[in-house]
N, C-alpha and C. Protein backbone atom coordinates (compact mmCIF):
# COMPACT_ATOMS: atom_id res chain seq x y z
N MET A 1 0.83 -1.20 0.00
CA MET A 1 0.00 0.00 0.00
C MET A 1 0.88 1.26 0.00
N GLN A 2 1.90 1.28 0.86
CA GLN A 2 2.78 2.44 0.95
C GLN A 2 3.50 2.68 -0.37
N ASP A 3 3.96 1.62 -1.02
CA ASP A 3 4.65 1.76 -2.30
C ASP A 3 3.72 2.33 -3.37
N GLN A 4 2.47 1.85 -3.38
CA GLN A 4 1.49 2.37 -4.34
C GLN A 4 1.23 3.84 -4.10
N PHE A 5 1.14 4.20 -2.83
CA PHE A 5 0.89 5.60 -2.49
C PHE A 5 2.07 6.47 -2.92
N ASN A 6 3.29 6.00 -2.71
CA ASN A 6 4.47 6.76 -3.12
C ASN A 6 4.51 6.95 -4.64
N ILE A 7 4.11 5.94 -5.37
CA ILE A 7 4.04 6.05 -6.83
C ILE A 7 2.98 7.08 -7.22
N LEU A 8 1.84 7.03 -6.56
CA LEU A 8 0.76 7.97 -6.81
C LEU A 8 1.23 9.41 -6.55
N VAL A 9 1.92 9.63 -5.45
CA VAL A 9 2.43 10.97 -5.11
C VAL A 9 3.41 11.45 -6.17
N SER A 10 4.36 10.60 -6.53
CA SER A 10 5.35 11.04 -7.52
C SER A 10 4.72 11.29 -8.88
N GLU A 11 3.69 10.55 -9.21
CA GLU A 11 3.01 10.71 -10.51
C GLU A 11 2.17 11.99 -10.59
N TYR A 12 1.52 12.37 -9.49
CA TYR A 12 0.53 13.45 -9.54
C TYR A 12 0.89 14.71 -8.78
N LYS A 13 1.97 14.73 -8.00
CA LYS A 13 2.22 15.87 -7.13
C LYS A 13 2.42 17.18 -7.89
N GLU A 14 3.10 17.14 -9.02
CA GLU A 14 3.34 18.39 -9.75
C GLU A 14 2.05 18.93 -10.36
N ARG A 15 1.28 18.07 -11.00
CA ARG A 15 0.02 18.53 -11.59
C ARG A 15 -0.93 19.07 -10.53
N LEU A 16 -1.02 18.36 -9.40
CA LEU A 16 -1.90 18.82 -8.32
C LEU A 16 -1.38 20.09 -7.68
N TYR A 17 -0.06 20.19 -7.54
CA TYR A 17 0.52 21.42 -6.97
C TYR A 17 0.09 22.62 -7.79
N TRP A 18 0.25 22.54 -9.11
CA TRP A 18 -0.08 23.70 -9.96
C TRP A 18 -1.58 23.97 -9.98
N HIS A 19 -2.38 22.94 -9.91
CA HIS A 19 -3.84 23.14 -9.82
C HIS A 19 -4.17 23.89 -8.53
N ILE A 20 -3.61 23.45 -7.43
CA ILE A 20 -3.84 24.09 -6.14
C ILE A 20 -3.26 25.50 -6.13
N ARG A 21 -2.06 25.64 -6.65
CA ARG A 21 -1.38 26.95 -6.64
C ARG A 21 -2.20 28.00 -7.37
N ARG A 22 -2.78 27.63 -8.48
CA ARG A 22 -3.60 28.59 -9.23
C ARG A 22 -4.83 29.02 -8.43
N MET A 23 -5.29 28.17 -7.52
CA MET A 23 -6.45 28.53 -6.71
C MET A 23 -6.07 29.35 -5.49
N VAL A 24 -5.00 28.95 -4.79
CA VAL A 24 -4.65 29.62 -3.53
C VAL A 24 -3.58 30.69 -3.72
N VAL A 25 -2.95 30.73 -4.88
CA VAL A 25 -1.98 31.72 -5.33
C VAL A 25 -0.60 31.59 -4.67
N SER A 26 -0.52 31.51 -3.38
CA SER A 26 0.76 31.48 -2.67
C SER A 26 1.43 30.11 -2.74
N HIS A 27 2.74 30.12 -2.97
CA HIS A 27 3.51 28.88 -3.01
C HIS A 27 3.42 28.13 -1.67
N ASP A 28 3.63 28.84 -0.57
CA ASP A 28 3.60 28.19 0.75
C ASP A 28 2.22 27.60 1.05
N ASP A 29 1.18 28.36 0.73
CA ASP A 29 -0.18 27.84 0.94
C ASP A 29 -0.44 26.62 0.05
N ALA A 30 0.05 26.68 -1.18
CA ALA A 30 -0.15 25.55 -2.09
C ALA A 30 0.54 24.29 -1.56
N ASP A 31 1.74 24.46 -1.01
CA ASP A 31 2.43 23.31 -0.41
C ASP A 31 1.62 22.71 0.73
N ASP A 32 1.06 23.58 1.59
CA ASP A 32 0.25 23.10 2.71
C ASP A 32 -0.99 22.36 2.22
N VAL A 33 -1.68 22.94 1.24
CA VAL A 33 -2.90 22.32 0.73
C VAL A 33 -2.57 21.01 0.01
N LEU A 34 -1.46 20.98 -0.70
CA LEU A 34 -1.05 19.74 -1.38
C LEU A 34 -0.80 18.64 -0.35
N GLN A 35 -0.13 19.00 0.73
CA GLN A 35 0.12 18.02 1.79
C GLN A 35 -1.20 17.51 2.38
N ASN A 36 -2.13 18.43 2.65
CA ASN A 36 -3.44 18.03 3.17
C ASN A 36 -4.19 17.15 2.18
N THR A 37 -4.03 17.46 0.90
CA THR A 37 -4.68 16.66 -0.15
C THR A 37 -4.17 15.23 -0.11
N PHE A 38 -2.85 15.07 -0.05
CA PHE A 38 -2.30 13.71 -0.05
C PHE A 38 -2.59 12.97 1.25
N ILE A 39 -2.71 13.68 2.34
CA ILE A 39 -3.12 13.03 3.60
C ILE A 39 -4.54 12.48 3.44
N LYS A 40 -5.42 13.30 2.87
CA LYS A 40 -6.80 12.87 2.66
C LYS A 40 -6.86 11.70 1.67
N VAL A 41 -6.04 11.77 0.62
CA VAL A 41 -6.00 10.68 -0.35
C VAL A 41 -5.54 9.40 0.33
N PHE A 42 -4.48 9.48 1.13
CA PHE A 42 -3.95 8.30 1.80
C PHE A 42 -5.00 7.67 2.72
N LYS A 43 -5.69 8.53 3.46
CA LYS A 43 -6.71 8.02 4.40
C LYS A 43 -7.91 7.42 3.69
N ASN A 44 -8.16 7.86 2.45
CA ASN A 44 -9.37 7.43 1.75
C ASN A 44 -9.11 6.58 0.51
N LEU A 45 -7.87 6.22 0.28
CA LEU A 45 -7.54 5.44 -0.92
C LEU A 45 -8.33 4.14 -0.99
N HIS A 46 -8.59 3.54 0.15
CA HIS A 46 -9.37 2.29 0.18
C HIS A 46 -10.83 2.52 -0.26
N ASN A 47 -11.29 3.77 -0.22
CA ASN A 47 -12.66 4.08 -0.65
C ASN A 47 -12.78 4.34 -2.15
N PHE A 48 -11.64 4.50 -2.83
CA PHE A 48 -11.68 4.75 -4.27
C PHE A 48 -12.17 3.50 -4.98
N LYS A 49 -13.30 3.64 -5.67
CA LYS A 49 -13.95 2.48 -6.28
C LYS A 49 -13.69 2.38 -7.78
N GLY A 50 -13.01 3.35 -8.34
CA GLY A 50 -12.72 3.31 -9.76
C GLY A 50 -13.89 3.72 -10.62
N GLU A 51 -14.91 4.36 -10.02
CA GLU A 51 -16.06 4.81 -10.81
C GLU A 51 -15.69 6.01 -11.68
N SER A 52 -14.65 6.73 -11.30
CA SER A 52 -14.11 7.81 -12.11
C SER A 52 -12.62 7.54 -12.28
N GLN A 53 -11.97 8.32 -13.12
CA GLN A 53 -10.53 8.15 -13.29
C GLN A 53 -9.84 8.61 -12.02
N LEU A 54 -8.70 8.03 -11.73
CA LEU A 54 -7.97 8.34 -10.51
C LEU A 54 -7.64 9.83 -10.42
N TYR A 55 -7.12 10.42 -11.51
CA TYR A 55 -6.74 11.82 -11.39
C TYR A 55 -7.96 12.72 -11.25
N THR A 56 -9.11 12.31 -11.75
CA THR A 56 -10.34 13.09 -11.54
C THR A 56 -10.68 13.10 -10.06
N TRP A 57 -10.56 11.96 -9.41
CA TRP A 57 -10.80 11.84 -7.98
C TRP A 57 -9.80 12.70 -7.21
N LEU A 58 -8.53 12.65 -7.61
CA LEU A 58 -7.50 13.45 -6.95
C LEU A 58 -7.76 14.95 -7.12
N TYR A 59 -8.14 15.35 -8.32
CA TYR A 59 -8.44 16.77 -8.57
C TYR A 59 -9.63 17.23 -7.73
N ARG A 60 -10.63 16.37 -7.57
CA ARG A 60 -11.79 16.73 -6.76
C ARG A 60 -11.36 16.98 -5.31
N ILE A 61 -10.53 16.08 -4.80
CA ILE A 61 -10.03 16.26 -3.43
C ILE A 61 -9.20 17.54 -3.33
N ALA A 62 -8.30 17.75 -4.28
CA ALA A 62 -7.45 18.95 -4.26
C ALA A 62 -8.29 20.22 -4.37
N THR A 63 -9.31 20.21 -5.20
CA THR A 63 -10.19 21.36 -5.36
C THR A 63 -10.92 21.64 -4.05
N ASN A 64 -11.49 20.60 -3.46
CA ASN A 64 -12.22 20.78 -2.20
C ASN A 64 -11.30 21.24 -1.07
N GLU A 65 -10.09 20.70 -1.01
CA GLU A 65 -9.13 21.13 0.01
C GLU A 65 -8.74 22.60 -0.20
N SER A 66 -8.58 23.00 -1.45
CA SER A 66 -8.23 24.40 -1.76
C SER A 66 -9.36 25.34 -1.34
N LEU A 67 -10.59 24.97 -1.66
CA LEU A 67 -11.73 25.82 -1.30
C LEU A 67 -11.89 25.91 0.21
N THR A 68 -11.71 24.78 0.89
CA THR A 68 -11.79 24.78 2.36
C THR A 68 -10.70 25.67 2.94
N PHE A 69 -9.50 25.56 2.41
CA PHE A 69 -8.38 26.38 2.88
C PHE A 69 -8.70 27.87 2.69
N LEU A 70 -9.21 28.24 1.52
CA LEU A 70 -9.51 29.65 1.25
C LEU A 70 -10.62 30.17 2.17
N LYS A 71 -11.64 29.35 2.43
CA LYS A 71 -12.71 29.76 3.34
C LYS A 71 -12.18 29.98 4.75
N LYS A 72 -11.34 29.05 5.22
CA LYS A 72 -10.76 29.19 6.56
C LYS A 72 -9.85 30.41 6.64
N LYS A 73 -9.09 30.64 5.60
CA LYS A 73 -8.18 31.80 5.59
C LYS A 73 -8.97 33.09 5.63
N ALA A 74 -10.03 33.17 4.84
CA ALA A 74 -10.87 34.37 4.83
C ALA A 74 -11.50 34.60 6.21
N ARG A 75 -11.98 33.52 6.81
CA ARG A 75 -12.58 33.62 8.14
C ARG A 75 -11.55 34.07 9.18
N ARG A 76 -10.36 33.45 9.13
CA ARG A 76 -9.30 33.78 10.09
C ARG A 76 -8.87 35.24 9.97
N LEU A 77 -8.81 35.74 8.74
CA LEU A 77 -8.40 37.13 8.50
C LEU A 77 -9.58 38.10 8.55
N GLN A 78 -10.78 37.54 8.76
CA GLN A 78 -12.02 38.32 8.81
C GLN A 78 -12.21 39.16 7.53
N LEU A 79 -12.10 38.45 6.41
CA LEU A 79 -12.25 39.07 5.10
C LEU A 79 -13.36 38.38 4.33
N SER A 80 -13.99 39.11 3.44
CA SER A 80 -14.94 38.48 2.52
C SER A 80 -14.13 37.72 1.47
N ASP A 81 -14.81 36.89 0.69
CA ASP A 81 -14.12 36.16 -0.38
C ASP A 81 -13.46 37.14 -1.34
N GLU A 82 -14.17 38.20 -1.69
CA GLU A 82 -13.63 39.20 -2.62
C GLU A 82 -12.41 39.90 -2.02
N GLN A 83 -12.48 40.25 -0.75
CA GLN A 83 -11.33 40.90 -0.10
C GLN A 83 -10.13 39.96 -0.05
N LEU A 84 -10.39 38.69 0.21
CA LEU A 84 -9.29 37.72 0.24
C LEU A 84 -8.66 37.60 -1.15
N GLN A 85 -9.47 37.53 -2.19
CA GLN A 85 -8.92 37.43 -3.54
C GLN A 85 -8.09 38.67 -3.88
N ASN A 86 -8.55 39.84 -3.45
CA ASN A 86 -7.78 41.07 -3.67
C ASN A 86 -6.43 40.99 -2.96
N ARG A 87 -6.45 40.49 -1.74
CA ARG A 87 -5.19 40.37 -0.98
C ARG A 87 -4.25 39.37 -1.65
N LEU A 88 -4.80 38.25 -2.11
CA LEU A 88 -3.97 37.26 -2.79
C LEU A 88 -3.33 37.85 -4.04
N THR A 89 -4.10 38.64 -4.76
CA THR A 89 -3.59 39.30 -5.96
C THR A 89 -2.47 40.28 -5.60
N GLU A 90 -2.66 41.05 -4.56
CA GLU A 90 -1.63 42.00 -4.12
C GLU A 90 -0.37 41.27 -3.69
N ASN A 91 -0.53 40.16 -2.99
CA ASN A 91 0.62 39.39 -2.49
C ASN A 91 1.38 38.68 -3.60
N LEU A 92 0.73 38.50 -4.74
CA LEU A 92 1.37 37.81 -5.85
C LEU A 92 2.66 38.51 -6.28
N LYS A 93 2.64 39.83 -6.29
CA LYS A 93 3.82 40.60 -6.72
C LYS A 93 5.02 40.35 -5.82
N SER A 94 4.79 40.14 -4.54
CA SER A 94 5.89 39.97 -3.60
C SER A 94 6.27 38.49 -3.41
N ASP A 95 5.57 37.59 -4.06
CA ASP A 95 5.85 36.16 -3.93
C ASP A 95 7.15 35.85 -4.67
N PRO A 96 8.19 35.38 -3.96
CA PRO A 96 9.47 35.10 -4.62
C PRO A 96 9.39 33.97 -5.64
N TYR A 97 8.34 33.17 -5.59
CA TYR A 97 8.19 32.06 -6.53
C TYR A 97 7.41 32.45 -7.78
N PHE A 98 6.89 33.68 -7.80
CA PHE A 98 6.16 34.14 -8.99
C PHE A 98 7.15 34.82 -9.91
N ASP A 99 7.32 34.26 -11.08
CA ASP A 99 8.27 34.83 -12.01
C ASP A 99 7.59 35.31 -13.29
N GLY A 100 6.31 35.58 -13.19
CA GLY A 100 5.56 36.00 -14.37
C GLY A 100 5.87 37.43 -14.77
N ASN A 101 5.60 37.73 -16.01
CA ASN A 101 5.78 39.08 -16.51
C ASN A 101 4.50 39.87 -16.28
N ALA A 102 4.45 41.08 -16.80
CA ALA A 102 3.28 41.95 -16.59
C ALA A 102 2.01 41.33 -17.17
N ALA A 103 2.12 40.66 -18.29
CA ALA A 103 0.94 40.04 -18.91
C ALA A 103 0.41 38.91 -18.03
N GLU A 104 1.33 38.10 -17.50
CA GLU A 104 0.92 37.00 -16.61
C GLU A 104 0.29 37.56 -15.33
N GLU A 105 0.87 38.62 -14.82
CA GLU A 105 0.32 39.25 -13.62
C GLU A 105 -1.08 39.78 -13.88
N LYS A 106 -1.28 40.39 -15.04
CA LYS A 106 -2.60 40.91 -15.41
C LYS A 106 -3.61 39.76 -15.53
N LEU A 107 -3.18 38.66 -16.14
CA LEU A 107 -4.06 37.49 -16.27
C LEU A 107 -4.42 36.96 -14.89
N GLN A 108 -3.44 36.83 -14.01
CA GLN A 108 -3.71 36.34 -12.66
C GLN A 108 -4.67 37.27 -11.92
N ASN A 109 -4.49 38.56 -12.06
CA ASN A 109 -5.40 39.51 -11.44
C ASN A 109 -6.83 39.31 -11.96
N ALA A 110 -6.95 39.13 -13.26
CA ALA A 110 -8.27 38.93 -13.87
C ALA A 110 -8.91 37.64 -13.36
N ILE A 111 -8.13 36.57 -13.29
CA ILE A 111 -8.65 35.28 -12.82
C ILE A 111 -9.11 35.40 -11.37
N ASN A 112 -8.33 36.09 -10.56
CA ASN A 112 -8.68 36.23 -9.13
C ASN A 112 -9.93 37.06 -8.91
N MET A 113 -10.33 37.82 -9.90
CA MET A 113 -11.55 38.64 -9.78
C MET A 113 -12.81 37.82 -10.10
N LEU A 114 -12.64 36.66 -10.68
CA LEU A 114 -13.80 35.84 -11.06
C LEU A 114 -14.50 35.27 -9.83
N PRO A 115 -15.81 35.05 -9.94
CA PRO A 115 -16.50 34.29 -8.89
C PRO A 115 -15.88 32.89 -8.81
N GLN A 116 -15.93 32.29 -7.64
CA GLN A 116 -15.22 31.04 -7.37
C GLN A 116 -15.52 29.94 -8.40
N ARG A 117 -16.77 29.73 -8.75
CA ARG A 117 -17.12 28.65 -9.69
C ARG A 117 -16.51 28.92 -11.07
N GLN A 118 -16.63 30.16 -11.54
CA GLN A 118 -16.04 30.49 -12.84
C GLN A 118 -14.53 30.34 -12.81
N LYS A 119 -13.93 30.72 -11.71
CA LYS A 119 -12.48 30.58 -11.55
C LYS A 119 -12.08 29.11 -11.64
N GLN A 120 -12.78 28.26 -10.92
CA GLN A 120 -12.46 26.83 -10.94
C GLN A 120 -12.56 26.26 -12.35
N VAL A 121 -13.65 26.56 -13.02
CA VAL A 121 -13.87 26.05 -14.36
C VAL A 121 -12.79 26.56 -15.31
N PHE A 122 -12.49 27.85 -15.22
CA PHE A 122 -11.48 28.43 -16.09
C PHE A 122 -10.13 27.77 -15.87
N LEU A 123 -9.73 27.60 -14.62
CA LEU A 123 -8.42 27.01 -14.32
C LEU A 123 -8.31 25.59 -14.84
N LEU A 124 -9.36 24.80 -14.63
CA LEU A 124 -9.32 23.41 -15.08
C LEU A 124 -9.33 23.29 -16.60
N LYS A 125 -10.06 24.18 -17.26
CA LYS A 125 -10.15 24.12 -18.72
C LYS A 125 -8.93 24.75 -19.39
N TYR A 126 -8.56 25.94 -18.95
CA TYR A 126 -7.49 26.70 -19.61
C TYR A 126 -6.10 26.13 -19.30
N TYR A 127 -5.79 25.95 -18.03
CA TYR A 127 -4.45 25.51 -17.65
C TYR A 127 -4.29 23.99 -17.70
N ASP A 128 -5.25 23.27 -17.14
CA ASP A 128 -5.12 21.82 -17.09
C ASP A 128 -5.63 21.14 -18.36
N GLU A 129 -6.31 21.90 -19.21
CA GLU A 129 -6.81 21.42 -20.49
C GLU A 129 -7.66 20.16 -20.36
N LEU A 130 -8.47 20.14 -19.31
CA LEU A 130 -9.34 18.99 -19.10
C LEU A 130 -10.61 19.13 -19.94
N PRO A 131 -11.14 18.03 -20.43
CA PRO A 131 -12.42 18.09 -21.15
C PRO A 131 -13.56 18.38 -20.17
N TYR A 132 -14.62 18.95 -20.70
CA TYR A 132 -15.77 19.29 -19.85
C TYR A 132 -16.30 18.08 -19.07
N SER A 133 -16.26 16.91 -19.70
CA SER A 133 -16.79 15.71 -19.02
C SER A 133 -16.02 15.42 -17.73
N GLU A 134 -14.70 15.62 -17.75
CA GLU A 134 -13.90 15.38 -16.55
C GLU A 134 -14.08 16.51 -15.53
N ILE A 135 -14.17 17.73 -16.01
CA ILE A 135 -14.41 18.86 -15.10
C ILE A 135 -15.76 18.66 -14.41
N SER A 136 -16.73 18.14 -15.15
CA SER A 136 -18.05 17.87 -14.61
C SER A 136 -17.96 16.89 -13.43
N GLU A 137 -17.13 15.87 -13.56
CA GLU A 137 -16.94 14.91 -12.46
C GLU A 137 -16.24 15.56 -11.28
N ILE A 138 -15.22 16.36 -11.55
CA ILE A 138 -14.45 17.00 -10.49
C ILE A 138 -15.32 17.96 -9.69
N LEU A 139 -16.06 18.81 -10.40
CA LEU A 139 -16.86 19.84 -9.73
C LEU A 139 -18.29 19.39 -9.45
N GLU A 140 -18.62 18.19 -9.90
CA GLU A 140 -19.94 17.60 -9.67
C GLU A 140 -21.07 18.52 -10.13
N THR A 141 -20.98 18.90 -11.40
CA THR A 141 -22.01 19.75 -12.00
C THR A 141 -22.16 19.37 -13.47
N SER A 142 -23.16 19.92 -14.12
CA SER A 142 -23.44 19.54 -15.51
C SER A 142 -22.47 20.18 -16.50
N VAL A 143 -22.29 19.52 -17.61
CA VAL A 143 -21.42 20.03 -18.67
C VAL A 143 -21.95 21.36 -19.20
N GLY A 144 -23.27 21.46 -19.36
CA GLY A 144 -23.86 22.71 -19.85
C GLY A 144 -23.56 23.88 -18.94
N SER A 145 -23.65 23.67 -17.66
CA SER A 145 -23.35 24.70 -16.67
C SER A 145 -21.87 25.09 -16.74
N LEU A 146 -21.00 24.12 -16.95
CA LEU A 146 -19.57 24.38 -17.05
C LEU A 146 -19.25 25.22 -18.28
N LYS A 147 -19.88 24.87 -19.39
CA LYS A 147 -19.63 25.63 -20.63
C LYS A 147 -20.06 27.07 -20.46
N ALA A 148 -21.19 27.30 -19.82
CA ALA A 148 -21.65 28.67 -19.57
C ALA A 148 -20.70 29.40 -18.64
N SER A 149 -20.25 28.73 -17.58
CA SER A 149 -19.31 29.36 -16.64
C SER A 149 -18.01 29.71 -17.33
N TYR A 150 -17.51 28.83 -18.16
CA TYR A 150 -16.26 29.09 -18.87
C TYR A 150 -16.42 30.27 -19.82
N HIS A 151 -17.52 30.28 -20.54
CA HIS A 151 -17.80 31.37 -21.48
C HIS A 151 -17.83 32.72 -20.74
N HIS A 152 -18.53 32.77 -19.62
CA HIS A 152 -18.61 34.02 -18.84
C HIS A 152 -17.23 34.40 -18.29
N ALA A 153 -16.47 33.42 -17.84
CA ALA A 153 -15.13 33.68 -17.30
C ALA A 153 -14.23 34.29 -18.37
N VAL A 154 -14.25 33.72 -19.56
CA VAL A 154 -13.41 34.21 -20.64
C VAL A 154 -13.80 35.65 -21.00
N LYS A 155 -15.10 35.93 -21.05
CA LYS A 155 -15.55 37.30 -21.35
C LYS A 155 -15.07 38.28 -20.29
N LYS A 156 -15.19 37.91 -19.01
CA LYS A 156 -14.76 38.79 -17.93
C LYS A 156 -13.25 39.01 -17.95
N ILE A 157 -12.51 37.95 -18.20
CA ILE A 157 -11.05 38.07 -18.26
C ILE A 157 -10.64 38.95 -19.44
N SER A 158 -11.25 38.75 -20.59
CA SER A 158 -10.94 39.57 -21.76
C SER A 158 -11.22 41.04 -21.48
N LYS A 159 -12.37 41.29 -20.88
CA LYS A 159 -12.73 42.68 -20.56
C LYS A 159 -11.71 43.29 -19.59
N TYR A 160 -11.33 42.54 -18.56
CA TYR A 160 -10.36 43.03 -17.58
C TYR A 160 -9.02 43.35 -18.23
N VAL A 161 -8.56 42.45 -19.08
CA VAL A 161 -7.25 42.63 -19.72
C VAL A 161 -7.27 43.86 -20.62
N VAL A 162 -8.35 44.07 -21.34
CA VAL A 162 -8.44 45.24 -22.23
C VAL A 162 -8.50 46.54 -21.43
N GLU A 163 -9.24 46.53 -20.32
CA GLU A 163 -9.44 47.75 -19.55
C GLU A 163 -8.28 48.10 -18.63
N HIS A 164 -7.42 47.14 -18.32
CA HIS A 164 -6.32 47.42 -17.39
C HIS A 164 -5.02 47.34 -18.14
């Protein structure tokens, strides 16, 4: 069991790290959430029934852990979701692990302004290049709803980039 888990970690840690990082923004926070994700995976690996693909199950756990982390952080700092996203965006510039240029920074700012559902859909579709059917399993929602969310996210991001 331990060997299988180690293989699973080495196979998926980078993809999950970047998925989490795009949601929580900070490198240190992403490391913490990734660790929590793998702890949850280890504790629940025996419950995986193979009804979905393994990485879809892992992404669902990572997504839920990221959202839980962001909610707790907002509560701890006594900030609204929007205020927290603004703070994450501001902190991006001082993050020593962020090496993006002005265009990347603008894109990140635009993404962080999206409502949480649109942000999730955009990140999974744009960066992870997952098909809607897999995103539907991860976020447990319909494909039609995902397509609409992605469309709205792209429009908002385009508008933000043009205006800023």
